[in-house]
């Protein structure tokens, strides 16, 4: 799980001309610096959305945690980015899974014919 800290404006994942430099108005904090209780509520809500939609394999369920603690669904990315500046690989690395191992697991799931 990550948290996007904005300095101003709306979140943009990267600059248009040099995407590898990241965004000019945000920083991704990985892992998210939110209380454990909030992290668990977000995680459980994301899993519930994933299951309700019948997702399999790789997905990223984006949620908002409001200032008053409400968990709100933003979107589901069924094929999140895998670039050097993408959030999914950064979050996986923060859990101890380097990109190569993530890709190995995804390929193995695809070869088994199940995405779970």
C-alpha atoms as a PDB file:
ATOM      1  CA  UNK A   1       0.000   0.000   0.000  1.00  0.00           C
ATOM      2  CA  UNK A   2       1.234   3.468  -0.784  1.00  0.00           C
ATOM      3  CA  UNK A   3       0.104   6.989  -0.044  1.00  0.00           C
ATOM      4  CA  UNK A   4       0.407   9.838  -2.518  1.00  0.00           C
ATOM      5  CA  UNK A   5       1.430  13.112  -0.859  1.00  0.00           C
ATOM      6  CA  UNK A   6       0.505  16.130  -2.981  1.00  0.00           C
ATOM      7  CA  UNK A   7       2.240  19.489  -2.768  1.00  0.00           C
ATOM      8  CA  UNK A   8      -0.452  21.146  -4.927  1.00  0.00           C
ATOM      9  CA  UNK A   9      -3.080  20.466  -7.566  1.00  0.00           C
ATOM     10  CA  UNK A  10      -4.245  17.069  -8.791  1.00  0.00           C
ATOM     11  CA  UNK A  11      -2.204  13.871  -8.827  1.00  0.00           C
ATOM     12  CA  UNK A  12      -0.336  13.096 -12.045  1.00  0.00           C
ATOM     13  CA  UNK A  13       1.704   9.909 -12.075  1.00  0.00           C
ATOM     14  CA  UNK A  14       4.538  11.473 -14.089  1.00  0.00           C
ATOM     15  CA  UNK A  15       5.761  14.304 -16.244  1.00  0.00           C
ATOM     16  CA  UNK A  16       4.820  14.034 -19.883  1.00  0.00           C
ATOM     17  CA  UNK A  17       8.283  14.755 -21.305  1.00  0.00           C
ATOM     18  CA  UNK A  18      10.440  12.787 -18.847  1.00  0.00           C
ATOM     19  CA  UNK A  19       8.191  10.285 -17.041  1.00  0.00           C
ATOM     20  CA  UNK A  20      11.122   8.596 -15.275  1.00  0.00           C
ATOM     21  CA  UNK A  21      11.596  11.768 -13.207  1.00  0.00           C
ATOM     22  CA  UNK A  22       8.203  11.250 -11.579  1.00  0.00           C
ATOM     23  CA  UNK A  23       5.596  13.850 -10.812  1.00  0.00           C
ATOM     24  CA  UNK A  24       6.213  17.535 -10.179  1.00  0.00           C
ATOM     25  CA  UNK A  25       3.558  17.752  -7.462  1.00  0.00           C
ATOM     26  CA  UNK A  26       3.553  14.421  -5.637  1.00  0.00           C
ATOM     27  CA  UNK A  27       5.625  11.881  -3.783  1.00  0.00           C
ATOM     28  CA  UNK A  28       4.672   8.231  -3.309  1.00  0.00           C
ATOM     29  CA  UNK A  29       5.211   7.113   0.272  1.00  0.00           C
ATOM     30  CA  UNK A  30       5.758   3.353   0.337  1.00  0.00           C
ATOM     31  CA  UNK A  31       4.643   1.791   2.566  1.00  0.00           C
ATOM     32  CA  UNK A  32       1.856   4.227   3.354  1.00  0.00           C
ATOM     33  CA  UNK A  33       2.371   6.129   6.581  1.00  0.00           C
ATOM     34  CA  UNK A  34      -1.131   5.561   7.932  1.00  0.00           C
ATOM     35  CA  UNK A  35      -2.169   3.908  11.197  1.00  0.00           C
ATOM     36  CA  UNK A  36      -2.266   0.104  11.134  1.00  0.00           C
ATOM     37  CA  UNK A  37      -6.025   0.116  11.781  1.00  0.00           C
ATOM     38  CA  UNK A  38      -6.669   2.291   8.724  1.00  0.00           C
ATOM     39  CA  UNK A  39      -4.278   0.219   6.614  1.00  0.00           C
ATOM     40  CA  UNK A  40      -6.191  -2.949   7.504  1.00  0.00           C
ATOM     41  CA  UNK A  41      -9.570  -1.354   6.707  1.00  0.00           C
ATOM     42  CA  UNK A  42      -8.279  -0.204   3.317  1.00  0.00           C
ATOM     43  CA  UNK A  43      -6.771  -3.630   2.629  1.00  0.00           C
ATOM     44  CA  UNK A  44     -10.014  -5.432   3.515  1.00  0.00           C
ATOM     45  CA  UNK A  45     -12.092  -3.043   1.396  1.00  0.00           C
ATOM     46  CA  UNK A  46      -9.732  -3.529  -1.564  1.00  0.00           C
ATOM     47  CA  UNK A  47      -9.938  -7.317  -1.232  1.00  0.00           C
ATOM     48  CA  UNK A  48     -13.744  -7.147  -1.080  1.00  0.00           C
ATOM     49  CA  UNK A  49     -13.843  -5.052  -4.292  1.00  0.00           C
ATOM     50  CA  UNK A  50     -11.381  -7.415  -6.017  1.00  0.00           C
ATOM     51  CA  UNK A  51     -13.507 -10.456  -5.128  1.00  0.00           C
ATOM     52  CA  UNK A  52     -16.843  -8.783  -5.927  1.00  0.00           C
ATOM     53  CA  UNK A  53     -15.615  -7.912  -9.416  1.00  0.00           C
ATOM     54  CA  UNK A  54     -14.279 -11.427  -9.994  1.00  0.00           C
ATOM     55  CA  UNK A  55     -10.737 -10.203 -10.547  1.00  0.00           C
ATOM     56  CA  UNK A  56      -7.933 -12.706 -11.036  1.00  0.00           C
ATOM     57  CA  UNK A  57      -4.178 -12.306 -10.939  1.00  0.00           C
ATOM     58  CA  UNK A  58      -2.666  -8.871 -11.222  1.00  0.00           C
ATOM     59  CA  UNK A  59      -4.781  -5.882 -10.240  1.00  0.00           C
ATOM     60  CA  UNK A  60      -4.393  -2.714  -8.241  1.00  0.00           C
ATOM     61  CA  UNK A  61      -7.448  -1.484  -6.367  1.00  0.00           C
ATOM     62  CA  UNK A  62      -7.072   2.244  -5.707  1.00  0.00           C
ATOM     63  CA  UNK A  63      -8.795   3.598  -2.637  1.00  0.00           C
ATOM     64  CA  UNK A  64      -8.999   6.966  -0.922  1.00  0.00           C
ATOM     65  CA  UNK A  65      -8.805   7.269   2.835  1.00  0.00           C
ATOM     66  CA  UNK A  66     -10.592  10.492   3.725  1.00  0.00           C
ATOM     67  CA  UNK A  67      -9.559  12.772   6.579  1.00  0.00           C
ATOM     68  CA  UNK A  68     -12.453  11.435   8.649  1.00  0.00           C
ATOM     69  CA  UNK A  69     -11.345   7.812   8.071  1.00  0.00           C
ATOM     70  CA  UNK A  70     -13.826   6.788   5.380  1.00  0.00           C
ATOM     71  CA  UNK A  71     -12.543   4.305   2.769  1.00  0.00           C
ATOM     72  CA  UNK A  72     -13.670   5.219  -0.758  1.00  0.00           C
ATOM     73  CA  UNK A  73     -13.112   3.249  -3.975  1.00  0.00           C
ATOM     74  CA  UNK A  74     -11.349   5.228  -6.699  1.00  0.00           C
ATOM     75  CA  UNK A  75     -10.721   2.673  -9.441  1.00  0.00           C
ATOM     76  CA  UNK A  76      -9.501  -0.820 -10.236  1.00  0.00           C
ATOM     77  CA  UNK A  77      -6.473  -1.125 -12.476  1.00  0.00           C
ATOM     78  CA  UNK A  78      -6.673  -4.566 -14.045  1.00  0.00           C
ATOM     79  CA  UNK A  79      -3.316  -4.089 -15.714  1.00  0.00           C
ATOM     80  CA  UNK A  80      -1.258  -1.633 -13.644  1.00  0.00           C
ATOM     81  CA  UNK A  81       1.940  -0.219 -15.070  1.00  0.00           C
ATOM     82  CA  UNK A  82       5.248  -2.043 -14.816  1.00  0.00           C
ATOM     83  CA  UNK A  83       7.617   0.807 -15.626  1.00  0.00           C
ATOM     84  CA  UNK A  84      10.396   2.145 -13.421  1.00  0.00           C
ATOM     85  CA  UNK A  85       8.056   4.889 -12.182  1.00  0.00           C
ATOM     86  CA  UNK A  86       4.911   2.761 -11.764  1.00  0.00           C
ATOM     87  CA  UNK A  87       3.331   2.391  -8.360  1.00  0.00           C
ATOM     88  CA  UNK A  88       2.667  -1.369  -8.484  1.00  0.00           C
ATOM     89  CA  UNK A  89       6.328  -2.483  -8.704  1.00  0.00           C
ATOM     90  CA  UNK A  90       7.261   0.014  -5.980  1.00  0.00           C
ATOM     91  CA  UNK A  91       4.588  -1.336  -3.652  1.00  0.00           C
ATOM     92  CA  UNK A  92       5.637  -4.923  -4.328  1.00  0.00           C
ATOM     93  CA  UNK A  93       9.300  -4.040  -3.673  1.00  0.00           C
ATOM     94  CA  UNK A  94       8.270  -2.514  -0.339  1.00  0.00           C
ATOM     95  CA  UNK A  95       6.800  -5.892   0.641  1.00  0.00           C
ATOM     96  CA  UNK A  96      10.068  -7.615  -0.227  1.00  0.00           C
ATOM     97  CA  UNK A  97       9.121  -8.808  -3.719  1.00  0.00           C
ATOM     98  CA  UNK A  98      11.454  -7.508  -6.433  1.00  0.00           C
ATOM     99  CA  UNK A  99       9.978  -6.974  -9.887  1.00  0.00           C
ATOM    100  CA  UNK A 100      11.578 -10.140 -11.283  1.00  0.00           C
ATOM    101  CA  UNK A 101       9.877 -12.292  -8.658  1.00  0.00           C
ATOM    102  CA  UNK A 102       6.536 -10.543  -9.214  1.00  0.00           C
ATOM    103  CA  UNK A 103       6.808 -11.295 -12.935  1.00  0.00           C
ATOM    104  CA  UNK A 104       7.805 -14.917 -12.238  1.00  0.00           C
ATOM    105  CA  UNK A 105       4.707 -15.363 -10.067  1.00  0.00           C
ATOM    106  CA  UNK A 106       2.413 -13.771 -12.644  1.00  0.00           C
ATOM    107  CA  UNK A 107       3.788 -15.965 -15.418  1.00  0.00           C
ATOM    108  CA  UNK A 108       3.441 -19.081 -13.254  1.00  0.00           C
ATOM    109  CA  UNK A 109      -0.202 -18.213 -12.477  1.00  0.00           C
ATOM    110  CA  UNK A 110      -0.920 -17.662 -16.175  1.00  0.00           C
ATOM    111  CA  UNK A 111       0.666 -21.000 -17.110  1.00  0.00           C
ATOM    112  CA  UNK A 112      -1.398 -22.780 -14.455  1.00  0.00           C
ATOM    113  CA  UNK A 113      -4.488 -21.193 -15.975  1.00  0.00           C
ATOM    114  CA  UNK A 114      -5.653 -19.595 -12.771  1.00  0.00           C
ATOM    115  CA  UNK A 115      -5.187 -16.085 -11.616  1.00  0.00           C
ATOM    116  CA  UNK A 116      -5.576 -16.642  -7.907  1.00  0.00           C
END
